[in-house]
C-alpha cells in the first residue's frame, strides 16, 4: 500500500486521537516514513500532495504538506517528481480557498523545489 493511501486511512484515526494526543498526526507521519528508502520517498511525494486536495480541514491539509516535506527531505534531492508542479498549483489554489495562511504550507514545498506556484 502506498504512503498516500496509508496516510489517507490514518487521517480519521488521527482526528479521533487528536483530542487526547496532540502529537497524533506527527506520530503517524513519523511512522509512515520510517524505513523508507530515498527513492520510495521520492515516489510518494506527488500522491501525498494530491491527497491534500481531498481535505476539508485546514489542519489535515497542512499535515499533508508537512508529510510531503518529510518525504522531500528523505528523498535527498531537490529534483521535482513528475506532475508535482501541477499538484502544487492545484493545492495552492485550494489552500487559498480553505483559509488564510494555509498557502504558505504549499509555498514551503514549492520553495524546496525552487518552483514558482502559478497563481
Protein backbone atom coordinates (compact mmCIF):
# COMPACT_ATOMS: atom_id res chain seq x y z
CA UNK A 1 0.00 0.00 0.00
CA UNK A 2 1.32 3.44 -0.92
CA UNK A 3 2.34 6.09 1.57
CA UNK A 4 -0.53 8.33 0.48
CA UNK A 5 -3.08 5.51 0.79
CA UNK A 6 -1.81 4.61 4.24
CA UNK A 7 -1.90 8.25 5.35
CA UNK A 8 -5.40 8.67 3.96
CA UNK A 9 -6.53 5.71 6.08
CA UNK A 10 -4.80 7.14 9.16
CA UNK A 11 -6.38 10.59 8.93
CA UNK A 12 -9.74 9.72 10.56
CA UNK A 13 -7.94 7.78 13.29
CA UNK A 14 -5.61 10.71 13.95
CA UNK A 15 -8.52 13.13 14.15
CA UNK A 16 -10.09 10.98 16.85
CA UNK A 17 -6.81 10.61 18.75
CA UNK A 18 -6.10 14.33 18.47
CA UNK A 19 -8.49 15.07 21.33
CA UNK A 20 -6.22 13.23 23.77
CA UNK A 21 -2.93 13.25 21.89
CA UNK A 22 -1.83 16.46 20.20
CA UNK A 23 1.01 14.53 18.56
CA UNK A 24 -1.25 12.02 16.76
CA UNK A 25 -0.54 13.33 13.27
CA UNK A 26 3.15 13.82 13.93
CA UNK A 27 3.44 10.26 15.20
CA UNK A 28 1.52 8.93 12.20
CA UNK A 29 3.75 10.83 9.76
CA UNK A 30 6.89 9.62 11.51
CA UNK A 31 5.67 6.02 11.41
CA UNK A 32 4.89 6.31 7.70
CA UNK A 33 8.36 7.46 6.70
CA UNK A 34 10.27 5.15 8.99
CA UNK A 35 12.26 2.69 6.93
CA UNK A 36 11.55 4.34 3.58
CA UNK A 37 14.38 4.46 1.10
CA UNK A 38 15.06 7.78 -0.66
CA UNK A 39 13.61 6.53 -3.96
CA UNK A 40 10.43 5.37 -2.18
CA UNK A 41 10.04 8.76 -0.53
CA UNK A 42 10.58 10.48 -3.87
CA UNK A 43 7.93 8.31 -5.50
CA UNK A 44 5.33 9.17 -2.84
CA UNK A 45 5.61 12.96 -2.94
CA UNK A 46 3.17 13.82 -5.72
CA UNK A 47 0.46 11.46 -4.46
CA UNK A 48 0.62 12.91 -0.95
CA UNK A 49 0.43 16.44 -2.37
CA UNK A 50 -2.65 15.40 -4.34
CA UNK A 51 -4.12 13.92 -1.16
CA UNK A 52 -4.17 17.44 0.27
CA UNK A 53 -6.83 18.32 -2.30
CA UNK A 54 -9.26 15.88 -0.68
CA UNK A 55 -9.05 17.52 2.73
CA UNK A 56 -11.79 19.73 4.11
CA UNK A 57 -9.97 20.73 7.31
CA UNK A 58 -7.03 23.12 7.21
CA UNK A 59 -5.06 21.19 9.83
CA UNK A 60 -5.29 17.97 7.85
CA UNK A 61 -4.34 19.81 4.65
CA UNK A 62 -1.30 21.21 6.45
CA UNK A 63 -0.34 17.74 7.65
CA UNK A 64 -0.33 16.54 4.06
CA UNK A 65 2.09 19.36 3.22
CA UNK A 66 4.24 18.52 6.24
CA UNK A 67 4.38 14.87 5.17
CA UNK A 68 5.42 16.00 1.68
CA UNK A 69 8.28 17.98 3.23
CA UNK A 70 9.36 14.99 5.30
CA UNK A 71 9.35 12.87 2.14
CA UNK A 72 11.25 15.57 0.23
CA UNK A 73 13.99 15.67 2.85
CA UNK A 74 14.15 11.89 2.95
CA UNK A 75 14.39 11.72 -0.86
CA UNK A 76 17.67 13.63 -0.62
CA UNK A 77 17.08 15.60 -3.80
CA UNK A 78 15.52 18.81 -5.00
CA UNK A 79 14.60 17.19 -8.32
CA UNK A 80 10.88 17.66 -8.81
CA UNK A 81 8.86 14.44 -9.10
CA UNK A 82 6.62 14.00 -12.14
CA UNK A 83 3.47 16.12 -12.06
CA UNK A 84 4.33 17.76 -8.74
CA UNK A 85 4.21 21.16 -10.42
CA UNK A 86 0.56 20.63 -11.34
CA UNK A 87 -0.24 19.27 -7.88
CA UNK A 88 1.40 22.30 -6.25
CA UNK A 89 -0.58 24.72 -8.40
CA UNK A 90 -3.86 22.98 -7.57
CA UNK A 91 -3.02 22.66 -3.87
CA UNK A 92 -2.03 26.31 -3.65
CA UNK A 93 -5.31 27.46 -5.17
CA UNK A 94 -7.26 25.11 -2.90
CA UNK A 95 -5.33 26.29 0.17
CA UNK A 96 -6.36 29.87 -0.57
CA UNK A 97 -9.99 28.71 -0.56
CA UNK A 98 -9.66 26.87 2.76
CA UNK A 99 -8.16 29.57 4.96
CA UNK A 100 -5.72 32.47 5.04
CA UNK A 101 -2.14 31.47 5.62
CA UNK A 102 -2.53 27.87 4.53
CA UNK A 103 -1.00 28.58 1.14
CA UNK A 104 2.29 29.15 2.99
CA UNK A 105 2.47 25.41 3.62
CA UNK A 106 2.28 24.74 -0.12
CA UNK A 107 4.77 27.52 -0.78
CA UNK A 108 7.25 25.83 1.55
CA UNK A 109 7.09 22.70 -0.60
CA UNK A 110 7.41 24.76 -3.79
CA UNK A 111 10.44 26.54 -2.35
CA UNK A 112 12.18 23.20 -1.72
CA UNK A 113 11.97 22.53 -5.46
CA UNK A 114 12.66 26.14 -6.46
CA UNK A 115 9.27 26.22 -8.12
CA UNK A 116 7.10 29.28 -8.57
CA UNK A 117 3.47 28.43 -7.98
CA UNK A 118 1.13 29.58 -10.74
CA UNK A 119 -1.46 31.86 -9.18
